[in-house]
C-alpha atoms as a PDB file:
ATOM      1  CA  UNK A   1      -9.162-105.615 129.662  1.00  0.00           C
ATOM      2  CA  UNK A   2      -6.293-104.467 131.892  1.00  0.00           C
ATOM      3  CA  UNK A   3      -6.906-102.031 134.708  1.00  0.00           C
ATOM      4  CA  UNK A   4      -5.481 -98.496 134.515  1.00  0.00           C
ATOM      5  CA  UNK A   5      -4.033 -96.852 137.621  1.00  0.00           C
ATOM      6  CA  UNK A   6      -3.571 -93.080 137.448  1.00  0.00           C
ATOM      7  CA  UNK A   7      -1.185 -91.751 140.097  1.00  0.00           C
ATOM      8  CA  UNK A   8      -2.110 -88.078 140.432  1.00  0.00           C
ATOM      9  CA  UNK A   9      -3.821 -85.767 142.885  1.00  0.00           C
ATOM     10  CA  UNK A  10      -5.905 -84.251 140.094  1.00  0.00           C
ATOM     11  CA  UNK A  11      -8.922 -85.802 138.377  1.00  0.00           C
ATOM     12  CA  UNK A  12      -7.881 -85.996 134.717  1.00  0.00           C
ATOM     13  CA  UNK A  13     -10.207 -86.254 131.759  1.00  0.00           C
ATOM     14  CA  UNK A  14      -9.885 -89.614 129.990  1.00  0.00           C
ATOM     15  CA  UNK A  15      -9.758 -89.884 126.186  1.00  0.00           C
ATOM     16  CA  UNK A  16     -10.024 -93.357 124.633  1.00  0.00           C
ATOM     17  CA  UNK A  17      -8.488 -93.868 121.185  1.00  0.00           C
ATOM     18  CA  UNK A  18      -9.871 -97.140 119.862  1.00  0.00           C
ATOM     19  CA  UNK A  19     -10.167 -99.171 116.668  1.00  0.00           C
ATOM     20  CA  UNK A  20      -7.808-101.219 114.527  1.00  0.00           C
ATOM     21  CA  UNK A  21      -4.039-101.402 113.902  1.00  0.00           C
ATOM     22  CA  UNK A  22      -3.901 -97.733 112.907  1.00  0.00           C
ATOM     23  CA  UNK A  23      -4.558 -97.110 116.591  1.00  0.00           C
ATOM     24  CA  UNK A  24      -2.681-100.061 118.076  1.00  0.00           C
ATOM     25  CA  UNK A  25       0.593 -99.077 116.353  1.00  0.00           C
ATOM     26  CA  UNK A  26       0.524 -95.843 118.342  1.00  0.00           C
ATOM     27  CA  UNK A  27       1.595 -93.458 115.597  1.00  0.00           C
ATOM     28  CA  UNK A  28      -1.574 -91.386 116.040  1.00  0.00           C
ATOM     29  CA  UNK A  29      -2.245 -91.792 119.760  1.00  0.00           C
ATOM     30  CA  UNK A  30       1.344 -91.107 120.861  1.00  0.00           C
ATOM     31  CA  UNK A  31       1.530 -87.863 118.905  1.00  0.00           C
ATOM     32  CA  UNK A  32      -1.919 -86.817 120.118  1.00  0.00           C
ATOM     33  CA  UNK A  33      -0.941 -87.607 123.700  1.00  0.00           C
ATOM     34  CA  UNK A  34       2.181 -85.458 123.458  1.00  0.00           C
ATOM     35  CA  UNK A  35       0.253 -82.513 122.023  1.00  0.00           C
ATOM     36  CA  UNK A  36      -2.570 -82.690 124.556  1.00  0.00           C
ATOM     37  CA  UNK A  37      -0.292 -83.264 127.547  1.00  0.00           C
ATOM     38  CA  UNK A  38       1.833 -80.275 126.576  1.00  0.00           C
ATOM     39  CA  UNK A  39      -1.214 -77.993 126.416  1.00  0.00           C
ATOM     40  CA  UNK A  40      -3.056 -79.541 129.389  1.00  0.00           C
ATOM     41  CA  UNK A  41      -0.549 -80.997 131.886  1.00  0.00           C
ATOM     42  CA  UNK A  42      -2.044 -83.357 134.470  1.00  0.00           C
ATOM     43  CA  UNK A  43      -5.551 -82.752 133.144  1.00  0.00           C
ATOM     44  CA  UNK A  44      -5.843 -85.433 130.437  1.00  0.00           C
ATOM     45  CA  UNK A  45      -5.126 -89.141 130.159  1.00  0.00           C
ATOM     46  CA  UNK A  46      -5.105 -90.731 126.692  1.00  0.00           C
ATOM     47  CA  UNK A  47      -5.727 -94.493 126.528  1.00  0.00           C
ATOM     48  CA  UNK A  48      -4.975 -96.615 123.443  1.00  0.00           C
ATOM     49  CA  UNK A  49      -7.320 -99.628 123.172  1.00  0.00           C
ATOM     50  CA  UNK A  50      -6.715-100.415 119.493  1.00  0.00           C
ATOM     51  CA  UNK A  51      -6.545-104.038 118.340  1.00  0.00           C
ATOM     52  CA  UNK A  52      -4.872-105.057 115.098  1.00  0.00           C
ATOM     53  CA  UNK A  53      -7.380-106.517 112.661  1.00  0.00           C
ATOM     54  CA  UNK A  54     -10.435-105.224 114.518  1.00  0.00           C
ATOM     55  CA  UNK A  55     -13.586-104.667 112.496  1.00  0.00           C
ATOM     56  CA  UNK A  56     -16.656-102.563 113.193  1.00  0.00           C
ATOM     57  CA  UNK A  57     -19.247-105.253 112.556  1.00  0.00           C
ATOM     58  CA  UNK A  58     -17.848-108.786 112.777  1.00  0.00           C
ATOM     59  CA  UNK A  59     -15.670-110.631 115.264  1.00  0.00           C
ATOM     60  CA  UNK A  60     -12.342-112.151 114.235  1.00  0.00           C
ATOM     61  CA  UNK A  61     -12.366-114.937 111.634  1.00  0.00           C
ATOM     62  CA  UNK A  62     -11.204-118.303 112.936  1.00  0.00           C
ATOM     63  CA  UNK A  63      -9.973-119.951 109.729  1.00  0.00           C
ATOM     64  CA  UNK A  64      -6.320-118.917 110.343  1.00  0.00           C
ATOM     65  CA  UNK A  65      -4.496-118.647 113.718  1.00  0.00           C
ATOM     66  CA  UNK A  66      -3.343-115.066 113.046  1.00  0.00           C
ATOM     67  CA  UNK A  67      -6.890-113.913 112.391  1.00  0.00           C
ATOM     68  CA  UNK A  68      -8.065-115.192 115.774  1.00  0.00           C
ATOM     69  CA  UNK A  69      -5.925-112.533 117.475  1.00  0.00           C
ATOM     70  CA  UNK A  70      -8.086-109.802 115.969  1.00  0.00           C
ATOM     71  CA  UNK A  71     -10.660-110.178 118.732  1.00  0.00           C
ATOM     72  CA  UNK A  72     -14.173-108.843 119.001  1.00  0.00           C
ATOM     73  CA  UNK A  73     -15.773-106.309 116.722  1.00  0.00           C
ATOM     74  CA  UNK A  74     -15.751-102.724 117.962  1.00  0.00           C
ATOM     75  CA  UNK A  75     -19.517-102.913 118.459  1.00  0.00           C
ATOM     76  CA  UNK A  76     -18.985-105.879 120.802  1.00  0.00           C
ATOM     77  CA  UNK A  77     -16.031-104.295 122.590  1.00  0.00           C
ATOM     78  CA  UNK A  78     -17.218-100.679 122.856  1.00  0.00           C
ATOM     79  CA  UNK A  79     -19.916-101.154 125.537  1.00  0.00           C
ATOM     80  CA  UNK A  80     -17.394-102.855 127.826  1.00  0.00           C
ATOM     81  CA  UNK A  81     -14.732-100.208 127.182  1.00  0.00           C
ATOM     82  CA  UNK A  82     -17.005 -97.254 127.747  1.00  0.00           C
ATOM     83  CA  UNK A  83     -18.468 -98.685 130.957  1.00  0.00           C
ATOM     84  CA  UNK A  84     -15.075 -99.562 132.387  1.00  0.00           C
ATOM     85  CA  UNK A  85     -13.045 -96.559 131.303  1.00  0.00           C
ATOM     86  CA  UNK A  86     -15.827 -93.948 131.328  1.00  0.00           C
ATOM     87  CA  UNK A  87     -14.047 -91.783 128.735  1.00  0.00           C
ATOM     88  CA  UNK A  88     -15.396 -88.315 128.186  1.00  0.00           C
ATOM     89  CA  UNK A  89     -14.143 -88.509 124.607  1.00  0.00           C
ATOM     90  CA  UNK A  90     -13.845 -91.586 122.360  1.00  0.00           C
ATOM     91  CA  UNK A  91     -11.892 -91.394 119.087  1.00  0.00           C
ATOM     92  CA  UNK A  92     -12.510 -94.342 116.745  1.00  0.00           C
ATOM     93  CA  UNK A  93     -10.621 -95.451 113.635  1.00  0.00           C
ATOM     94  CA  UNK A  94     -12.356 -98.510 112.223  1.00  0.00           C
ATOM     95  CA  UNK A  95     -13.736 -99.919 108.982  1.00  0.00           C
ATOM     96  CA  UNK A  96     -10.669-100.771 106.907  1.00  0.00           C
ATOM     97  CA  UNK A  97     -10.651-104.391 108.046  1.00  0.00           C
ATOM     98  CA  UNK A  98     -14.359-104.755 107.266  1.00  0.00           C
ATOM     99  CA  UNK A  99     -13.221-104.201 103.668  1.00  0.00           C
ATOM    100  CA  UNK A 100      -9.801-105.900 103.720  1.00  0.00           C
ATOM    101  CA  UNK A 101     -10.430-109.151 105.587  1.00  0.00           C
ATOM    102  CA  UNK A 102     -12.899-110.588 103.037  1.00  0.00           C
ATOM    103  CA  UNK A 103     -10.016-110.361 100.534  1.00  0.00           C
ATOM    104  CA  UNK A 104      -7.798-112.508 102.760  1.00  0.00           C
ATOM    105  CA  UNK A 105      -9.968-114.860 104.806  1.00  0.00           C
ATOM    106  CA  UNK A 106     -12.327-117.503 103.436  1.00  0.00           C
ATOM    107  CA  UNK A 107     -14.561-117.089 106.486  1.00  0.00           C
ATOM    108  CA  UNK A 108     -14.618-113.302 106.205  1.00  0.00           C
ATOM    109  CA  UNK A 109     -15.440-113.604 102.494  1.00  0.00           C
ATOM    110  CA  UNK A 110     -18.975-114.441 103.644  1.00  0.00           C
ATOM    111  CA  UNK A 111     -19.118-111.150 105.603  1.00  0.00           C
ATOM    112  CA  UNK A 112     -18.775-108.571 102.849  1.00  0.00           C
ATOM    113  CA  UNK A 113     -20.480-105.436 104.131  1.00  0.00           C
ATOM    114  CA  UNK A 114     -22.802-103.033 102.360  1.00  0.00           C
ATOM    115  CA  UNK A 115     -22.955 -99.296 102.869  1.00  0.00           C
ATOM    116  CA  UNK A 116     -26.278 -99.736 104.658  1.00  0.00           C
ATOM    117  CA  UNK A 117     -24.790-102.254 107.100  1.00  0.00           C
ATOM    118  CA  UNK A 118     -21.880 -99.940 107.839  1.00  0.00           C
ATOM    119  CA  UNK A 119     -24.259 -97.024 108.408  1.00  0.00           C
ATOM    120  CA  UNK A 120     -26.284 -99.127 110.842  1.00  0.00           C
ATOM    121  CA  UNK A 121     -23.090-100.084 112.657  1.00  0.00           C
ATOM    122  CA  UNK A 122     -21.990 -96.482 113.043  1.00  0.00           C
ATOM    123  CA  UNK A 123     -25.431 -95.452 114.299  1.00  0.00           C
ATOM    124  CA  UNK A 124     -25.215 -98.283 116.848  1.00  0.00           C
ATOM    125  CA  UNK A 125     -21.768 -97.070 117.953  1.00  0.00           C
ATOM    126  CA  UNK A 126     -23.075 -93.528 118.316  1.00  0.00           C
ATOM    127  CA  UNK A 127     -25.918 -94.764 120.518  1.00  0.00           C
ATOM    128  CA  UNK A 128     -23.487 -96.669 122.745  1.00  0.00           C
ATOM    129  CA  UNK A 129     -21.415 -93.541 123.289  1.00  0.00           C
ATOM    130  CA  UNK A 130     -24.439 -91.309 123.809  1.00  0.00           C
ATOM    131  CA  UNK A 131     -25.838 -93.667 126.450  1.00  0.00           C
ATOM    132  CA  UNK A 132     -22.592 -93.317 128.407  1.00  0.00           C
ATOM    133  CA  UNK A 133     -22.115 -89.577 127.796  1.00  0.00           C
ATOM    134  CA  UNK A 134     -18.904 -90.095 125.814  1.00  0.00           C
ATOM    135  CA  UNK A 135     -18.326 -87.574 123.042  1.00  0.00           C
ATOM    136  CA  UNK A 136     -17.399 -89.350 119.770  1.00  0.00           C
ATOM    137  CA  UNK A 137     -14.953 -88.459 116.994  1.00  0.00           C
ATOM    138  CA  UNK A 138     -14.802 -90.767 113.958  1.00  0.00           C
ATOM    139  CA  UNK A 139     -12.051 -90.986 111.359  1.00  0.00           C
ATOM    140  CA  UNK A 140     -12.666 -91.703 107.695  1.00  0.00           C
ATOM    141  CA  UNK A 141     -11.166 -94.937 106.327  1.00  0.00           C
ATOM    142  CA  UNK A 142      -7.594 -94.365 105.147  1.00  0.00           C
ATOM    143  CA  UNK A 143      -6.357 -95.545 101.731  1.00  0.00           C
ATOM    144  CA  UNK A 144      -5.098 -99.109 101.482  1.00  0.00           C
ATOM    145  CA  UNK A 145      -3.401-101.167  98.814  1.00  0.00           C
ATOM    146  CA  UNK A 146      -2.485-104.837  99.068  1.00  0.00           C
ATOM    147  CA  UNK A 147       0.703-105.993  97.406  1.00  0.00           C
ATOM    148  CA  UNK A 148       0.526-107.741  94.048  1.00  0.00           C
ATOM    149  CA  UNK A 149       0.903-111.484  94.503  1.00  0.00           C
ATOM    150  CA  UNK A 150      -0.587-111.626  98.001  1.00  0.00           C
ATOM    151  CA  UNK A 151      -4.139-110.962  96.808  1.00  0.00           C
ATOM    152  CA  UNK A 152      -5.468-111.235  93.257  1.00  0.00           C
ATOM    153  CA  UNK A 153      -6.658-107.845  92.042  1.00  0.00           C
ATOM    154  CA  UNK A 154     -10.078-109.148  91.118  1.00  0.00           C
ATOM    155  CA  UNK A 155     -13.446-107.440  90.866  1.00  0.00           C
ATOM    156  CA  UNK A 156     -13.897-108.182  94.570  1.00  0.00           C
ATOM    157  CA  UNK A 157     -10.745-106.179  95.294  1.00  0.00           C
ATOM    158  CA  UNK A 158     -11.920-103.314  93.101  1.00  0.00           C
ATOM    159  CA  UNK A 159     -15.305-103.361  94.843  1.00  0.00           C
ATOM    160  CA  UNK A 160     -13.623-103.038  98.247  1.00  0.00           C
ATOM    161  CA  UNK A 161     -11.615-100.052  97.066  1.00  0.00           C
ATOM    162  CA  UNK A 162     -14.769 -98.419  95.692  1.00  0.00           C
ATOM    163  CA  UNK A 163     -16.712 -99.175  98.874  1.00  0.00           C
ATOM    164  CA  UNK A 164     -14.134 -97.253 100.917  1.00  0.00           C
ATOM    165  CA  UNK A 165     -14.945 -94.142  98.915  1.00  0.00           C
ATOM    166  CA  UNK A 166     -18.669 -94.768  99.299  1.00  0.00           C
ATOM    167  CA  UNK A 167     -18.381 -95.236 103.069  1.00  0.00           C
ATOM    168  CA  UNK A 168     -16.161 -92.176 103.427  1.00  0.00           C
ATOM    169  CA  UNK A 169     -18.739 -90.078 101.583  1.00  0.00           C
ATOM    170  CA  UNK A 170     -21.275 -91.168 104.194  1.00  0.00           C
ATOM    171  CA  UNK A 171     -18.870 -90.556 107.094  1.00  0.00           C
ATOM    172  CA  UNK A 172     -18.118 -87.035 105.874  1.00  0.00           C
ATOM    173  CA  UNK A 173     -21.822 -86.224 106.210  1.00  0.00           C
ATOM    174  CA  UNK A 174     -21.660 -86.859 109.974  1.00  0.00           C
ATOM    175  CA  UNK A 175     -20.793 -84.077 112.432  1.00  0.00           C
ATOM    176  CA  UNK A 176     -18.694 -86.563 114.417  1.00  0.00           C
ATOM    177  CA  UNK A 177     -16.264 -87.197 111.547  1.00  0.00           C
ATOM    178  CA  UNK A 178     -12.760 -85.892 110.998  1.00  0.00           C
ATOM    179  CA  UNK A 179     -11.772 -86.476 107.362  1.00  0.00           C
ATOM    180  CA  UNK A 180      -8.376 -88.077 107.986  1.00  0.00           C
ATOM    181  CA  UNK A 181      -8.088 -89.738 104.581  1.00  0.00           C
ATOM    182  CA  UNK A 182      -7.911 -86.420 102.735  1.00  0.00           C
ATOM    183  CA  UNK A 183      -4.920 -85.466 104.908  1.00  0.00           C
ATOM    184  CA  UNK A 184      -2.741 -88.403 103.885  1.00  0.00           C
ATOM    185  CA  UNK A 185      -3.891 -89.564 100.441  1.00  0.00           C
ATOM    186  CA  UNK A 186      -2.630 -88.423  97.056  1.00  0.00           C
ATOM    187  CA  UNK A 187      -4.549 -87.443  93.929  1.00  0.00           C
ATOM    188  CA  UNK A 188      -4.975 -91.133  93.008  1.00  0.00           C
ATOM    189  CA  UNK A 189      -6.543 -91.760  96.442  1.00  0.00           C
ATOM    190  CA  UNK A 190      -3.634 -93.861  97.666  1.00  0.00           C
ATOM    191  CA  UNK A 191      -1.531 -93.276 100.762  1.00  0.00           C
ATOM    192  CA  UNK A 192       1.143 -90.650 100.109  1.00  0.00           C
ATOM    193  CA  UNK A 193       4.683 -92.039 100.236  1.00  0.00           C
ATOM    194  CA  UNK A 194       5.530 -89.329 102.765  1.00  0.00           C
ATOM    195  CA  UNK A 195       3.111 -90.880 105.269  1.00  0.00           C
ATOM    196  CA  UNK A 196       3.395 -94.567 104.303  1.00  0.00           C
ATOM    197  CA  UNK A 197       4.807 -97.013 106.875  1.00  0.00           C
ATOM    198  CA  UNK A 198       5.931 -99.083 103.912  1.00  0.00           C
ATOM    199  CA  UNK A 199       3.048-101.504 103.483  1.00  0.00           C
ATOM    200  CA  UNK A 200       0.627 -99.087 101.744  1.00  0.00           C
ATOM    201  CA  UNK A 201      -1.841 -99.538 104.614  1.00  0.00           C
ATOM    202  CA  UNK A 202      -0.374 -98.121 107.827  1.00  0.00           C
ATOM    203  CA  UNK A 203       0.946 -94.698 108.787  1.00  0.00           C
ATOM    204  CA  UNK A 204       4.539 -93.887 109.657  1.00  0.00           C
ATOM    205  CA  UNK A 205       5.393 -91.446 112.439  1.00  0.00           C
ATOM    206  CA  UNK A 206       4.976 -88.445 110.172  1.00  0.00           C
ATOM    207  CA  UNK A 207       1.547 -89.632 109.083  1.00  0.00           C
ATOM    208  CA  UNK A 208       0.524 -90.203 112.684  1.00  0.00           C
ATOM    209  CA  UNK A 209       1.633 -86.691 113.585  1.00  0.00           C
ATOM    210  CA  UNK A 210      -0.319 -85.235 110.670  1.00  0.00           C
ATOM    211  CA  UNK A 211      -3.572 -86.812 111.838  1.00  0.00           C
ATOM    212  CA  UNK A 212      -2.855 -86.179 115.526  1.00  0.00           C
ATOM    213  CA  UNK A 213      -2.503 -82.441 114.913  1.00  0.00           C
ATOM    214  CA  UNK A 214      -5.794 -82.408 113.003  1.00  0.00           C
ATOM    215  CA  UNK A 215      -7.422 -84.299 115.876  1.00  0.00           C
ATOM    216  CA  UNK A 216      -6.078 -81.810 118.387  1.00  0.00           C
ATOM    217  CA  UNK A 217      -7.477 -78.936 116.340  1.00  0.00           C
ATOM    218  CA  UNK A 218     -10.825 -80.721 115.981  1.00  0.00           C
ATOM    219  CA  UNK A 219     -11.005 -81.276 119.726  1.00  0.00           C
ATOM    220  CA  UNK A 220     -10.308 -77.601 120.324  1.00  0.00           C
ATOM    221  CA  UNK A 221     -12.780 -76.436 117.661  1.00  0.00           C
ATOM    222  CA  UNK A 222     -15.515 -78.550 119.185  1.00  0.00           C
ATOM    223  CA  UNK A 223     -14.620 -76.912 122.489  1.00  0.00           C
ATOM    224  CA  UNK A 224     -14.464 -80.381 123.981  1.00  0.00           C
ATOM    225  CA  UNK A 225     -11.529 -79.614 126.255  1.00  0.00           C
ATOM    226  CA  UNK A 226     -13.035 -76.333 127.443  1.00  0.00           C
ATOM    227  CA  UNK A 227     -16.318 -78.059 128.200  1.00  0.00           C
ATOM    228  CA  UNK A 228     -14.523 -80.835 130.039  1.00  0.00           C
ATOM    229  CA  UNK A 229     -12.420 -78.444 132.053  1.00  0.00           C
ATOM    230  CA  UNK A 230     -15.429 -76.331 132.969  1.00  0.00           C
ATOM    231  CA  UNK A 231     -17.152 -79.485 134.184  1.00  0.00           C
ATOM    232  CA  UNK A 232     -14.171 -80.917 136.065  1.00  0.00           C
ATOM    233  CA  UNK A 233     -12.221 -77.982 137.421  1.00  0.00           C
ATOM    234  CA  UNK A 234     -14.431 -74.923 137.780  1.00  0.00           C
END
């Protein structure tokens, strides 16, 4: 992990936005950064540690060169990140690749997750953050659709789509969760064209802004920033 040098006389609060390509592409984190910096100049630093292809539970498959770039699972990476960065707030978008990669990779096909396994993974992530006093916000898994021809729309594909809904139902029961999927999906539970980057998986700038504004409001509702400022500056 690269070092981060912050050139300021103040002691800013650090927010880590982590997870998969939804984070790495920057559509969410850039918009969130702009909103938070405008409201809290020189008091907040937002770090983007997203990795394309990252999963919650399993490390990158090795059966194709492109998959090897996906790196460690978030559960493997998170303890290192939180110790090194010491973020007061961690925002995590993860889980889509736990469902998608088994449809693409022969190795990952042996790692199909159950709801119970995902629940255990999230509880593990929560413990990691609690041990390091980092407040956690989780996003629900956004809609995804793979193009016809690239992946056969088999029962396995249908199961993955259904498991997203099952996992999101669980995530919505957690106080840490912001229901991002409901903000950008249509009545058929697919990504709205208005927010679609073009691949039916990722967000465009408008979609990133939509979720970033909801995140900002969630942060304010949870009084996270007020609590942080009271701790740091009063």
